[in-house]
Amino acid sequence: MIRDDVYKKLFEIKGDKSFSEVIEELIKESLSVRRKKIEKYFGILNEEEARELAKEIEEMRKRTDEDIARKLSNY
């Protein structure tokens, strides 16, 4: 269900397009903006730094999984 205020905004910008077309365009624009925000960080790490970061992330995930498993086993 779309709220009335959102419907009115979509109706104002849709022109001859269908609501689906307008929503799809808005989603594409949003994804494009997000991609551009992320792309500015591409290449800031060299290969070794990227591997080290990936290893740290993997270790943190493993510890988190272990913590969750331990807490769940207490129930």
N, C-alpha and C. Protein backbone atom coordinates (compact mmCIF):
# COMPACT_ATOMS: atom_id res chain seq x y z
N MET A 1 0.85 -1.18 0.00
CA MET A 1 0.00 0.00 0.00
C MET A 1 0.89 1.24 0.00
N ILE A 2 0.59 2.15 -0.86
CA ILE A 2 1.34 3.40 -0.95
C ILE A 2 0.54 4.48 -0.23
N ARG A 3 1.24 5.23 0.62
CA ARG A 3 0.58 6.33 1.33
C ARG A 3 0.09 7.37 0.31
N ASP A 4 -0.94 8.10 0.69
CA ASP A 4 -1.51 9.11 -0.19
C ASP A 4 -0.50 10.17 -0.59
N ASP A 5 0.33 10.63 0.36
CA ASP A 5 1.30 11.68 0.05
C ASP A 5 2.34 11.19 -0.96
N VAL A 6 2.75 9.93 -0.84
CA VAL A 6 3.72 9.36 -1.78
C VAL A 6 3.06 9.19 -3.15
N TYR A 7 1.83 8.73 -3.17
CA TYR A 7 1.09 8.58 -4.42
C TYR A 7 1.00 9.91 -5.16
N LYS A 8 0.69 10.96 -4.43
CA LYS A 8 0.57 12.29 -5.05
C LYS A 8 1.89 12.74 -5.66
N LYS A 9 3.00 12.48 -4.95
CA LYS A 9 4.32 12.85 -5.47
C LYS A 9 4.64 12.07 -6.74
N LEU A 10 4.36 10.77 -6.72
CA LEU A 10 4.60 9.95 -7.91
C LEU A 10 3.72 10.42 -9.07
N PHE A 11 2.48 10.73 -8.76
CA PHE A 11 1.55 11.18 -9.80
C PHE A 11 2.04 12.48 -10.44
N GLU A 12 2.60 13.38 -9.62
CA GLU A 12 3.10 14.65 -10.14
C GLU A 12 4.27 14.48 -11.09
N ILE A 13 5.14 13.50 -10.83
CA ILE A 13 6.33 13.36 -11.67
C ILE A 13 6.17 12.36 -12.80
N LYS A 14 5.11 11.59 -12.82
CA LYS A 14 5.01 10.50 -13.79
C LYS A 14 4.70 10.95 -15.21
N GLY A 15 3.97 12.04 -15.38
CA GLY A 15 3.63 12.46 -16.73
C GLY A 15 2.89 11.36 -17.47
N ASP A 16 3.38 11.00 -18.68
CA ASP A 16 2.74 9.96 -19.49
C ASP A 16 3.21 8.55 -19.14
N LYS A 17 4.13 8.45 -18.22
CA LYS A 17 4.69 7.14 -17.87
C LYS A 17 3.77 6.42 -16.89
N SER A 18 3.95 5.11 -16.83
CA SER A 18 3.20 4.33 -15.84
C SER A 18 3.89 4.49 -14.49
N PHE A 19 3.17 4.16 -13.45
CA PHE A 19 3.76 4.22 -12.11
C PHE A 19 4.95 3.26 -12.03
N SER A 20 4.82 2.10 -12.64
CA SER A 20 5.92 1.12 -12.63
C SER A 20 7.16 1.69 -13.28
N GLU A 21 7.00 2.38 -14.41
CA GLU A 21 8.15 2.99 -15.09
C GLU A 21 8.82 4.03 -14.21
N VAL A 22 8.02 4.86 -13.55
CA VAL A 22 8.56 5.91 -12.69
C VAL A 22 9.31 5.29 -11.52
N ILE A 23 8.71 4.30 -10.89
CA ILE A 23 9.35 3.64 -9.75
C ILE A 23 10.65 2.98 -10.19
N GLU A 24 10.63 2.31 -11.35
CA GLU A 24 11.83 1.66 -11.86
C GLU A 24 12.94 2.69 -12.11
N GLU A 25 12.59 3.84 -12.70
CA GLU A 25 13.57 4.90 -12.93
C GLU A 25 14.16 5.42 -11.62
N LEU A 26 13.31 5.61 -10.63
CA LEU A 26 13.78 6.09 -9.33
C LEU A 26 14.73 5.09 -8.68
N ILE A 27 14.42 3.82 -8.82
CA ILE A 27 15.30 2.78 -8.27
C ILE A 27 16.65 2.81 -8.98
N LYS A 28 16.62 2.90 -10.31
CA LYS A 28 17.88 2.95 -11.08
C LYS A 28 18.71 4.16 -10.68
N GLU A 29 18.07 5.31 -10.52
CA GLU A 29 18.78 6.53 -10.11
C GLU A 29 19.41 6.33 -8.73
N SER A 30 18.66 5.74 -7.82
CA SER A 30 19.15 5.52 -6.47
C SER A 30 20.36 4.58 -6.49
N LEU A 31 20.28 3.51 -7.27
CA LEU A 31 21.39 2.57 -7.37
C LEU A 31 22.61 3.24 -7.99
N SER A 32 22.38 4.10 -8.97
CA SER A 32 23.48 4.81 -9.62
C SER A 32 24.19 5.73 -8.64
N VAL A 33 23.42 6.45 -7.85
CA VAL A 33 24.00 7.36 -6.85
C VAL A 33 24.79 6.56 -5.82
N ARG A 34 24.23 5.46 -5.36
CA ARG A 34 24.93 4.62 -4.37
C ARG A 34 26.23 4.07 -4.96
N ARG A 35 26.16 3.62 -6.22
CA ARG A 35 27.34 3.08 -6.87
C ARG A 35 28.44 4.13 -6.96
N LYS A 36 28.07 5.36 -7.32
CA LYS A 36 29.05 6.44 -7.42
C LYS A 36 29.69 6.74 -6.07
N LYS A 37 28.89 6.69 -5.01
CA LYS A 37 29.43 6.93 -3.67
C LYS A 37 30.45 5.86 -3.30
N ILE A 38 30.18 4.62 -3.67
CA ILE A 38 31.08 3.52 -3.36
C ILE A 38 32.32 3.57 -4.25
N GLU A 39 32.15 3.91 -5.52
CA GLU A 39 33.26 3.89 -6.48
C GLU A 39 34.40 4.81 -6.09
N LYS A 40 34.11 5.86 -5.35
CA LYS A 40 35.20 6.77 -4.98
C LYS A 40 36.20 6.09 -4.05
N TYR A 41 35.82 4.96 -3.46
CA TYR A 41 36.72 4.22 -2.58
C TYR A 41 37.46 3.10 -3.30
N PHE A 42 37.10 2.81 -4.55
CA PHE A 42 37.78 1.76 -5.31
C PHE A 42 39.24 2.13 -5.51
N GLY A 43 40.10 1.17 -5.26
CA GLY A 43 41.52 1.37 -5.52
C GLY A 43 42.30 2.05 -4.42
N ILE A 44 41.68 2.34 -3.28
CA ILE A 44 42.43 3.03 -2.23
C ILE A 44 43.33 2.07 -1.45
N LEU A 45 43.04 0.76 -1.55
CA LEU A 45 43.88 -0.24 -0.89
C LEU A 45 44.71 -0.96 -1.95
N ASN A 46 45.97 -1.24 -1.60
CA ASN A 46 46.74 -2.08 -2.51
C ASN A 46 46.36 -3.53 -2.24
N GLU A 47 46.89 -4.46 -3.03
CA GLU A 47 46.50 -5.87 -2.92
C GLU A 47 46.75 -6.44 -1.53
N GLU A 48 47.90 -6.13 -0.96
CA GLU A 48 48.23 -6.67 0.36
C GLU A 48 47.28 -6.12 1.42
N GLU A 49 47.00 -4.83 1.38
CA GLU A 49 46.07 -4.23 2.34
C GLU A 49 44.69 -4.83 2.20
N ALA A 50 44.27 -5.07 0.96
CA ALA A 50 42.96 -5.66 0.73
C ALA A 50 42.88 -7.07 1.30
N ARG A 51 43.95 -7.86 1.10
CA ARG A 51 43.98 -9.22 1.65
C ARG A 51 43.95 -9.20 3.18
N GLU A 52 44.72 -8.29 3.78
CA GLU A 52 44.74 -8.18 5.24
C GLU A 52 43.36 -7.79 5.78
N LEU A 53 42.73 -6.84 5.11
CA LEU A 53 41.39 -6.42 5.53
C LEU A 53 40.40 -7.57 5.40
N ALA A 54 40.46 -8.30 4.29
CA ALA A 54 39.56 -9.44 4.09
C ALA A 54 39.79 -10.49 5.18
N LYS A 55 41.04 -10.72 5.54
CA LYS A 55 41.36 -11.70 6.58
C LYS A 55 40.80 -11.25 7.93
N GLU A 56 40.96 -9.97 8.25
CA GLU A 56 40.42 -9.44 9.51
C GLU A 56 38.90 -9.57 9.56
N ILE A 57 38.26 -9.26 8.45
CA ILE A 57 36.80 -9.37 8.38
C ILE A 57 36.37 -10.82 8.58
N GLU A 58 37.08 -11.74 7.92
CA GLU A 58 36.76 -13.16 8.07
C GLU A 58 36.91 -13.61 9.52
N GLU A 59 37.97 -13.16 10.18
CA GLU A 59 38.19 -13.52 11.58
C GLU A 59 37.10 -12.94 12.48
N MET A 60 36.70 -11.70 12.21
CA MET A 60 35.62 -11.09 13.01
C MET A 60 34.32 -11.85 12.83
N ARG A 61 34.02 -12.25 11.59
CA ARG A 61 32.80 -13.01 11.33
C ARG A 61 32.83 -14.35 12.05
N LYS A 62 33.99 -15.00 12.02
CA LYS A 62 34.13 -16.29 12.70
C LYS A 62 33.90 -16.13 14.20
N ARG A 63 34.52 -15.10 14.80
CA ARG A 63 34.33 -14.86 16.23
C ARG A 63 32.86 -14.56 16.54
N THR A 64 32.24 -13.77 15.69
CA THR A 64 30.83 -13.44 15.89
C THR A 64 29.97 -14.69 15.81
N ASP A 65 30.23 -15.54 14.79
CA ASP A 65 29.49 -16.79 14.67
C ASP A 65 29.68 -17.67 15.91
N GLU A 66 30.92 -17.73 16.40
CA GLU A 66 31.19 -18.53 17.60
C GLU A 66 30.47 -17.96 18.81
N ASP A 67 30.47 -16.63 18.95
CA ASP A 67 29.76 -16.00 20.07
C ASP A 67 28.27 -16.29 20.00
N ILE A 68 27.71 -16.19 18.83
CA ILE A 68 26.27 -16.46 18.66
C ILE A 68 25.96 -17.91 18.99
N ALA A 69 26.78 -18.82 18.46
CA ALA A 69 26.57 -20.25 18.72
C ALA A 69 26.66 -20.54 20.21
N ARG A 70 27.63 -19.93 20.88
CA ARG A 70 27.80 -20.14 22.33
C ARG A 70 26.58 -19.62 23.08
N LYS A 71 26.10 -18.44 22.71
CA LYS A 71 24.94 -17.87 23.40
C LYS A 71 23.69 -18.70 23.15
N LEU A 72 23.53 -19.18 21.92
CA LEU A 72 22.36 -20.00 21.61
C LEU A 72 22.40 -21.35 22.31
N SER A 73 23.59 -21.86 22.54
CA SER A 73 23.69 -23.16 23.21
C SER A 73 23.29 -23.08 24.68
N ASN A 74 23.26 -21.87 25.22
CA ASN A 74 22.85 -21.69 26.62
C ASN A 74 21.33 -21.72 26.77
N TYR A 75 20.60 -21.73 25.67
CA TYR A 75 19.14 -21.73 25.75
C TYR A 75 18.57 -23.10 25.62
